[in-house]
Amino acid sequence: MSSQLAPSSSLAPSRAALPLGLPDATALFAFAAEAERRVATLRLRIKEQGQSATGSTTTEIELLVARPHARVTTRKADGTYELWATDGSVIKGYNSATKTATRRPHRAAPTGLTEPGIPAASRVPTSLGPLPARGWATTFLRPSSFCTTVLAGAVLGSVEARVIAGRAALTLEAAAPRTIELSGDRADFRYRVAFDRATGILLCVEEFRGETLMRSACVTAVGIDEQISASEFTIELPAGTIPLY
């Protein structure tokens, strides 16, 4: 029988819950910045859909967290997949398309990045364990950078209530986020985002050009503070796997 990883205590956030009613965007972003501190274990399934030169694309992403363990599985429509897993000290990866595997120690961020004088967008949540450097899994669990570097520079709409994947959510629209002086940049570019009201975790990010939905990444299933089998964090390498490092 597989052992279970029971929920462990998370670092206490400065605000445990939002007050009744609808917060403004500033209060919502501040609440979301501490989303990871409100969960001990987490299972998120995210579906990403978009448009490319070859047509529509669909990617399924699963995030598992039971600190210090974490695992991200990314499955593409063609059946290939990528795995990323850590026990807090070693990071392992596998790519089924290339049949390659990696293994490396987790390297802590430089000291000083959590000092009080450092802007929030530049801080690194080193105390909560490693996650992939980029990707929706990290953005959904640690939305602070997305809020401060992308959404906060936009023309923000009002916060509204909604239900996503069975969870009470708070949504808002961010029009023309960031000013990027590139040919083809459009003033009608906007995001519609949704946050979990209880934790602040992102539940959905939709990207529009005018009224056309160009890309979306939305949670389809969520489990918070449940027991997770230790075996789910293990990467089994198939025969013929090529170790890169």
Foldseek 3Di string as FASTA:
>chain_A
DFDWQFFDQFADDPDQADDPDFDWLVVLLSLLQCLLRNFQWKWWWKWKWFADPVGIWIKIWIWTDHPPKIKIWIATPVGWIKIWIDNQFKIKIATRVVLAIEIDTDDADDPPLPDPVHDSLRHDPRVNGDDDPDDDVCCQRRVNNVCVQWQVQFDKDGWDWDAALNAIKIKIKGFPTDDDPDPPDDRRWIWIWIAGRRRSGTAKIWIDRNPDTGMMMGTNHMDGRDMDGPCVRDDDRDPPRHYDD
